[in-house]
Amino acid sequence: MGIDGPPLAMTLSNLNGFVTTWIYIEMLAKKDSKIRQAWFLPGKSSFQLKGLVDFMKLGLPSVC
């Protein structure tokens, strides 16, 4: 596949790992309510800037 092969293989590998992990955690979440509360898809509240600004104040200098 030439130059397109490695990125395609990496994408398929990561997708496979994600789907496998998702299925496994969904099976565990059916048995344990604590896992069910912790495992959720990101929603509107996940992207609030309240905690992100505090994180950036610590995170950006650490990267530098």
PDB file of N, CA and C in Angstrom:
ATOM      1  N   MET A   1       0.809  -1.190   0.000  1.00  0.00           N
ATOM      2  CA  MET A   1       0.000   0.000   0.000  1.00  0.00           C
ATOM      3  C   MET A   1       0.860   1.264   0.000  1.00  0.00           C
ATOM      4  N   GLY A   2       2.139   1.075  -0.033  1.00  0.00           N
ATOM      5  CA  GLY A   2       3.015   2.238  -0.112  1.00  0.00           C
ATOM      6  C   GLY A   2       3.008   3.059   1.157  1.00  0.00           C
ATOM      7  N   ILE A   3       2.966   4.355   0.979  1.00  0.00           N
ATOM      8  CA  ILE A   3       3.046   5.255   2.117  1.00  0.00           C
ATOM      9  C   ILE A   3       1.743   5.306   2.925  1.00  0.00           C
ATOM     10  N   ASP A   4       0.639   4.841   2.372  1.00  0.00           N
ATOM     11  CA  ASP A   4      -0.640   4.853   3.075  1.00  0.00           C
ATOM     12  C   ASP A   4      -0.831   3.654   4.005  1.00  0.00           C
ATOM     13  N   GLY A   5      -0.002   2.643   3.883  1.00  0.00           N
ATOM     14  CA  GLY A   5      -0.175   1.426   4.668  1.00  0.00           C
ATOM     15  C   GLY A   5       0.009   1.591   6.172  1.00  0.00           C
ATOM     16  N   PRO A   6       1.141   2.152   6.627  1.00  0.00           N
ATOM     17  CA  PRO A   6       1.346   2.272   8.078  1.00  0.00           C
ATOM     18  C   PRO A   6       0.289   3.110   8.802  1.00  0.00           C
ATOM     19  N   PRO A   7      -0.107   4.281   8.276  1.00  0.00           N
ATOM     20  CA  PRO A   7      -1.163   5.017   9.001  1.00  0.00           C
ATOM     21  C   PRO A   7      -2.493   4.268   9.034  1.00  0.00           C
ATOM     22  N   LEU A   8      -2.807   3.569   7.965  1.00  0.00           N
ATOM     23  CA  LEU A   8      -4.043   2.788   7.933  1.00  0.00           C
ATOM     24  C   LEU A   8      -3.979   1.649   8.950  1.00  0.00           C
ATOM     25  N   ALA A   9      -2.845   0.962   9.015  1.00  0.00           N
ATOM     26  CA  ALA A   9      -2.684  -0.128   9.977  1.00  0.00           C
ATOM     27  C   ALA A   9      -2.772   0.392  11.409  1.00  0.00           C
ATOM     28  N   MET A  10      -2.168   1.547  11.680  1.00  0.00           N
ATOM     29  CA  MET A  10      -2.210   2.124  13.016  1.00  0.00           C
ATOM     30  C   MET A  10      -3.639   2.533  13.394  1.00  0.00           C
ATOM     31  N   THR A  11      -4.350   3.119  12.451  1.00  0.00           N
ATOM     32  CA  THR A  11      -5.728   3.533  12.706  1.00  0.00           C
ATOM     33  C   THR A  11      -6.613   2.322  13.001  1.00  0.00           C
ATOM     34  N   LEU A  12      -6.489   1.282  12.207  1.00  0.00           N
ATOM     35  CA  LEU A  12      -7.291   0.076  12.434  1.00  0.00           C
ATOM     36  C   LEU A  12      -6.929  -0.599  13.749  1.00  0.00           C
ATOM     37  N   SER A  13      -5.650  -0.604  14.099  1.00  0.00           N
ATOM     38  CA  SER A  13      -5.215  -1.196  15.358  1.00  0.00           C
ATOM     39  C   SER A  13      -5.773  -0.424  16.553  1.00  0.00           C
ATOM     40  N   ASN A  14      -5.703   0.900  16.504  1.00  0.00           N
ATOM     41  CA  ASN A  14      -6.239   1.706  17.601  1.00  0.00           C
ATOM     42  C   ASN A  14      -7.758   1.577  17.698  1.00  0.00           C
ATOM     43  N   LEU A  15      -8.446   1.523  16.576  1.00  0.00           N
ATOM     44  CA  LEU A  15      -9.891   1.345  16.569  1.00  0.00           C
ATOM     45  C   LEU A  15     -10.276  -0.005  17.167  1.00  0.00           C
ATOM     46  N   ASN A  16      -9.527  -1.024  16.819  1.00  0.00           N
ATOM     47  CA  ASN A  16      -9.772  -2.363  17.366  1.00  0.00           C
ATOM     48  C   ASN A  16      -9.600  -2.362  18.880  1.00  0.00           C
ATOM     49  N   GLY A  17      -8.545  -1.741  19.374  1.00  0.00           N
ATOM     50  CA  GLY A  17      -8.323  -1.664  20.815  1.00  0.00           C
ATOM     51  C   GLY A  17      -9.417  -0.890  21.527  1.00  0.00           C
ATOM     52  N   PHE A  18      -9.864   0.204  20.919  1.00  0.00           N
ATOM     53  CA  PHE A  18     -10.935   1.008  21.508  1.00  0.00           C
ATOM     54  C   PHE A  18     -12.232   0.216  21.599  1.00  0.00           C
ATOM     55  N   VAL A  19     -12.607  -0.431  20.523  1.00  0.00           N
ATOM     56  CA  VAL A  19     -13.862  -1.195  20.508  1.00  0.00           C
ATOM     57  C   VAL A  19     -13.794  -2.358  21.495  1.00  0.00           C
ATOM     58  N   THR A  20     -12.672  -3.047  21.561  1.00  0.00           N
ATOM     59  CA  THR A  20     -12.510  -4.159  22.498  1.00  0.00           C
ATOM     60  C   THR A  20     -12.629  -3.672  23.935  1.00  0.00           C
ATOM     61  N   THR A  21     -11.971  -2.559  24.252  1.00  0.00           N
ATOM     62  CA  THR A  21     -12.046  -1.996  25.598  1.00  0.00           C
ATOM     63  C   THR A  21     -13.462  -1.549  25.922  1.00  0.00           C
ATOM     64  N   TRP A  22     -14.124  -0.919  24.955  1.00  0.00           N
ATOM     65  CA  TRP A  22     -15.496  -0.452  25.160  1.00  0.00           C
ATOM     66  C   TRP A  22     -16.429  -1.617  25.496  1.00  0.00           C
ATOM     67  N   ILE A  23     -16.334  -2.691  24.746  1.00  0.00           N
ATOM     68  CA  ILE A  23     -17.197  -3.855  24.976  1.00  0.00           C
ATOM     69  C   ILE A  23     -16.914  -4.460  26.344  1.00  0.00           C
ATOM     70  N   TYR A  24     -15.649  -4.576  26.702  1.00  0.00           N
ATOM     71  CA  TYR A  24     -15.272  -5.171  27.990  1.00  0.00           C
ATOM     72  C   TYR A  24     -15.807  -4.337  29.155  1.00  0.00           C
ATOM     73  N   ILE A  25     -15.647  -3.028  29.079  1.00  0.00           N
ATOM     74  CA  ILE A  25     -16.108  -2.164  30.166  1.00  0.00           C
ATOM     75  C   ILE A  25     -17.631  -2.138  30.227  1.00  0.00           C
ATOM     76  N   GLU A  26     -18.295  -2.188  29.094  1.00  0.00           N
ATOM     77  CA  GLU A  26     -19.763  -2.252  29.106  1.00  0.00           C
ATOM     78  C   GLU A  26     -20.245  -3.522  29.799  1.00  0.00           C
ATOM     79  N   MET A  27     -19.556  -4.634  29.597  1.00  0.00           N
ATOM     80  CA  MET A  27     -19.924  -5.882  30.264  1.00  0.00           C
ATOM     81  C   MET A  27     -19.701  -5.761  31.768  1.00  0.00           C
ATOM     82  N   LEU A  28     -18.592  -5.132  32.175  1.00  0.00           N
ATOM     83  CA  LEU A  28     -18.326  -4.940  33.591  1.00  0.00           C
ATOM     84  C   LEU A  28     -19.321  -3.974  34.223  1.00  0.00           C
ATOM     85  N   ALA A  29     -19.721  -2.955  33.478  1.00  0.00           N
ATOM     86  CA  ALA A  29     -20.626  -1.938  34.007  1.00  0.00           C
ATOM     87  C   ALA A  29     -22.007  -2.513  34.295  1.00  0.00           C
ATOM     88  N   LYS A  30     -22.393  -3.546  33.591  1.00  0.00           N
ATOM     89  CA  LYS A  30     -23.688  -4.169  33.853  1.00  0.00           C
ATOM     90  C   LYS A  30     -23.694  -4.849  35.223  1.00  0.00           C
ATOM     91  N   LYS A  31     -22.520  -5.271  35.687  1.00  0.00           N
ATOM     92  CA  LYS A  31     -22.426  -5.988  36.958  1.00  0.00           C
ATOM     93  C   LYS A  31     -22.182  -5.060  38.143  1.00  0.00           C
ATOM     94  N   ASP A  32     -21.508  -3.927  37.925  1.00  0.00           N
ATOM     95  CA  ASP A  32     -21.096  -3.062  39.021  1.00  0.00           C
ATOM     96  C   ASP A  32     -21.562  -1.626  38.773  1.00  0.00           C
ATOM     97  N   SER A  33     -22.350  -1.097  39.691  1.00  0.00           N
ATOM     98  CA  SER A  33     -22.892   0.251  39.500  1.00  0.00           C
ATOM     99  C   SER A  33     -21.826   1.335  39.626  1.00  0.00           C
ATOM    100  N   LYS A  34     -20.744   1.079  40.377  1.00  0.00           N
ATOM    101  CA  LYS A  34     -19.681   2.070  40.502  1.00  0.00           C
ATOM    102  C   LYS A  34     -18.965   2.265  39.161  1.00  0.00           C
ATOM    103  N   ILE A  35     -18.759   1.192  38.442  1.00  0.00           N
ATOM    104  CA  ILE A  35     -18.138   1.296  37.119  1.00  0.00           C
ATOM    105  C   ILE A  35     -19.084   2.017  36.176  1.00  0.00           C
ATOM    106  N   ARG A  36     -20.373   1.772  36.299  1.00  0.00           N
ATOM    107  CA  ARG A  36     -21.363   2.412  35.426  1.00  0.00           C
ATOM    108  C   ARG A  36     -21.343   3.926  35.611  1.00  0.00           C
ATOM    109  N   GLN A  37     -21.179   4.397  36.845  1.00  0.00           N
ATOM    110  CA  GLN A  37     -21.129   5.833  37.105  1.00  0.00           C
ATOM    111  C   GLN A  37     -19.859   6.459  36.545  1.00  0.00           C
ATOM    112  N   ALA A  38     -18.766   5.720  36.532  1.00  0.00           N
ATOM    113  CA  ALA A  38     -17.485   6.263  36.073  1.00  0.00           C
ATOM    114  C   ALA A  38     -17.329   6.210  34.555  1.00  0.00           C
ATOM    115  N   TRP A  39     -18.045   5.324  33.896  1.00  0.00           N
ATOM    116  CA  TRP A  39     -17.887   5.126  32.451  1.00  0.00           C
ATOM    117  C   TRP A  39     -19.014   5.832  31.719  1.00  0.00           C
ATOM    118  N   PHE A  40     -18.707   6.919  31.040  1.00  0.00           N
ATOM    119  CA  PHE A  40     -19.726   7.670  30.323  1.00  0.00           C
ATOM    120  C   PHE A  40     -19.108   8.319  29.095  1.00  0.00           C
ATOM    121  N   LEU A  41     -19.938   8.640  28.150  1.00  0.00           N
ATOM    122  CA  LEU A  41     -19.486   9.388  26.982  1.00  0.00           C
ATOM    123  C   LEU A  41     -19.403  10.867  27.355  1.00  0.00           C
ATOM    124  N   PRO A  42     -18.439  11.585  26.816  1.00  0.00           N
ATOM    125  CA  PRO A  42     -18.351  13.003  27.154  1.00  0.00           C
ATOM    126  C   PRO A  42     -19.585  13.760  26.683  1.00  0.00           C
ATOM    127  N   GLY A  43     -20.021  14.659  27.504  1.00  0.00           N
ATOM    128  CA  GLY A  43     -21.182  15.486  27.176  1.00  0.00           C
ATOM    129  C   GLY A  43     -20.827  16.958  27.306  1.00  0.00           C
ATOM    130  N   LYS A  44     -21.834  17.775  27.367  1.00  0.00           N
ATOM    131  CA  LYS A  44     -21.642  19.221  27.453  1.00  0.00           C
ATOM    132  C   LYS A  44     -20.871  19.606  28.726  1.00  0.00           C
ATOM    133  N   SER A  45     -21.158  18.944  29.821  1.00  0.00           N
ATOM    134  CA  SER A  45     -20.495  19.278  31.080  1.00  0.00           C
ATOM    135  C   SER A  45     -19.014  18.876  31.085  1.00  0.00           C
ATOM    136  N   SER A  46     -18.629  17.980  30.210  1.00  0.00           N
ATOM    137  CA  SER A  46     -17.235  17.558  30.139  1.00  0.00           C
ATOM    138  C   SER A  46     -16.318  18.632  29.564  1.00  0.00           C
ATOM    139  N   PHE A  47     -16.895  19.574  28.851  1.00  0.00           N
ATOM    140  CA  PHE A  47     -16.090  20.581  28.166  1.00  0.00           C
ATOM    141  C   PHE A  47     -16.214  21.968  28.782  1.00  0.00           C
ATOM    142  N   GLN A  48     -16.600  22.035  30.056  1.00  0.00           N
ATOM    143  CA  GLN A  48     -16.653  23.322  30.735  1.00  0.00           C
ATOM    144  C   GLN A  48     -15.232  23.803  30.997  1.00  0.00           C
ATOM    145  N   LEU A  49     -15.008  25.106  30.926  1.00  0.00           N
ATOM    146  CA  LEU A  49     -13.674  25.665  31.067  1.00  0.00           C
ATOM    147  C   LEU A  49     -13.250  25.865  32.518  1.00  0.00           C
ATOM    148  N   LYS A  50     -14.125  25.601  33.460  1.00  0.00           N
ATOM    149  CA  LYS A  50     -13.827  25.858  34.863  1.00  0.00           C
ATOM    150  C   LYS A  50     -12.543  25.162  35.324  1.00  0.00           C
ATOM    151  N   GLY A  51     -12.452  23.884  35.153  1.00  0.00           N
ATOM    152  CA  GLY A  51     -11.271  23.136  35.581  1.00  0.00           C
ATOM    153  C   GLY A  51     -10.133  23.182  34.577  1.00  0.00           C
ATOM    154  N   LEU A  52     -10.450  23.454  33.323  1.00  0.00           N
ATOM    155  CA  LEU A  52      -9.428  23.467  32.280  1.00  0.00           C
ATOM    156  C   LEU A  52      -8.435  24.610  32.475  1.00  0.00           C
ATOM    157  N   VAL A  53      -8.908  25.763  32.895  1.00  0.00           N
ATOM    158  CA  VAL A  53      -8.021  26.911  33.103  1.00  0.00           C
ATOM    159  C   VAL A  53      -7.032  26.617  34.226  1.00  0.00           C
ATOM    160  N   ASP A  54      -7.502  26.032  35.312  1.00  0.00           N
ATOM    161  CA  ASP A  54      -6.601  25.674  36.417  1.00  0.00           C
ATOM    162  C   ASP A  54      -5.589  24.628  35.969  1.00  0.00           C
ATOM    163  N   PHE A  55      -6.029  23.673  35.193  1.00  0.00           N
ATOM    164  CA  PHE A  55      -5.124  22.648  34.688  1.00  0.00           C
ATOM    165  C   PHE A  55      -4.048  23.253  33.783  1.00  0.00           C
ATOM    166  N   MET A  56      -4.435  24.170  32.920  1.00  0.00           N
ATOM    167  CA  MET A  56      -3.482  24.800  32.001  1.00  0.00           C
ATOM    168  C   MET A  56      -2.442  25.631  32.743  1.00  0.00           C
ATOM    169  N   LYS A  57      -2.832  26.248  33.858  1.00  0.00           N
ATOM    170  CA  LYS A  57      -1.885  27.029  34.652  1.00  0.00           C
ATOM    171  C   LYS A  57      -0.760  26.147  35.185  1.00  0.00           C
ATOM    172  N   LEU A  58      -1.067  24.902  35.459  1.00  0.00           N
ATOM    173  CA  LEU A  58      -0.049  23.966  35.936  1.00  0.00           C
ATOM    174  C   LEU A  58       0.579  23.177  34.779  1.00  0.00           C
ATOM    175  N   GLY A  59      -0.232  22.810  33.821  1.00  0.00           N
ATOM    176  CA  GLY A  59       0.224  21.912  32.757  1.00  0.00           C
ATOM    177  C   GLY A  59       1.160  22.554  31.749  1.00  0.00           C
ATOM    178  N   LEU A  60       0.860  23.764  31.299  1.00  0.00           N
ATOM    179  CA  LEU A  60       1.696  24.400  30.284  1.00  0.00           C
ATOM    180  C   LEU A  60       3.118  24.692  30.766  1.00  0.00           C
ATOM    181  N   PRO A  61       3.321  25.231  31.973  1.00  0.00           N
ATOM    182  CA  PRO A  61       4.704  25.398  32.425  1.00  0.00           C
ATOM    183  C   PRO A  61       5.439  24.069  32.596  1.00  0.00           C
ATOM    184  N   SER A  62       4.708  23.021  32.955  1.00  0.00           N
ATOM    185  CA  SER A  62       5.349  21.711  33.108  1.00  0.00           C
ATOM    186  C   SER A  62       5.838  21.173  31.778  1.00  0.00           C
ATOM    187  N   VAL A  63       5.110  21.442  30.710  1.00  0.00           N
ATOM    188  CA  VAL A  63       5.514  20.993  29.375  1.00  0.00           C
ATOM    189  C   VAL A  63       6.798  21.708  28.943  1.00  0.00           C
ATOM    190  N   CYS A  64       6.859  22.990  29.250  1.00  0.00           N
ATOM    191  CA  CYS A  64       8.043  23.776  28.864  1.00  0.00           C
ATOM    192  C   CYS A  64       9.248  23.359  29.655  1.00  0.00           C
TER     193      CYS A  64
END
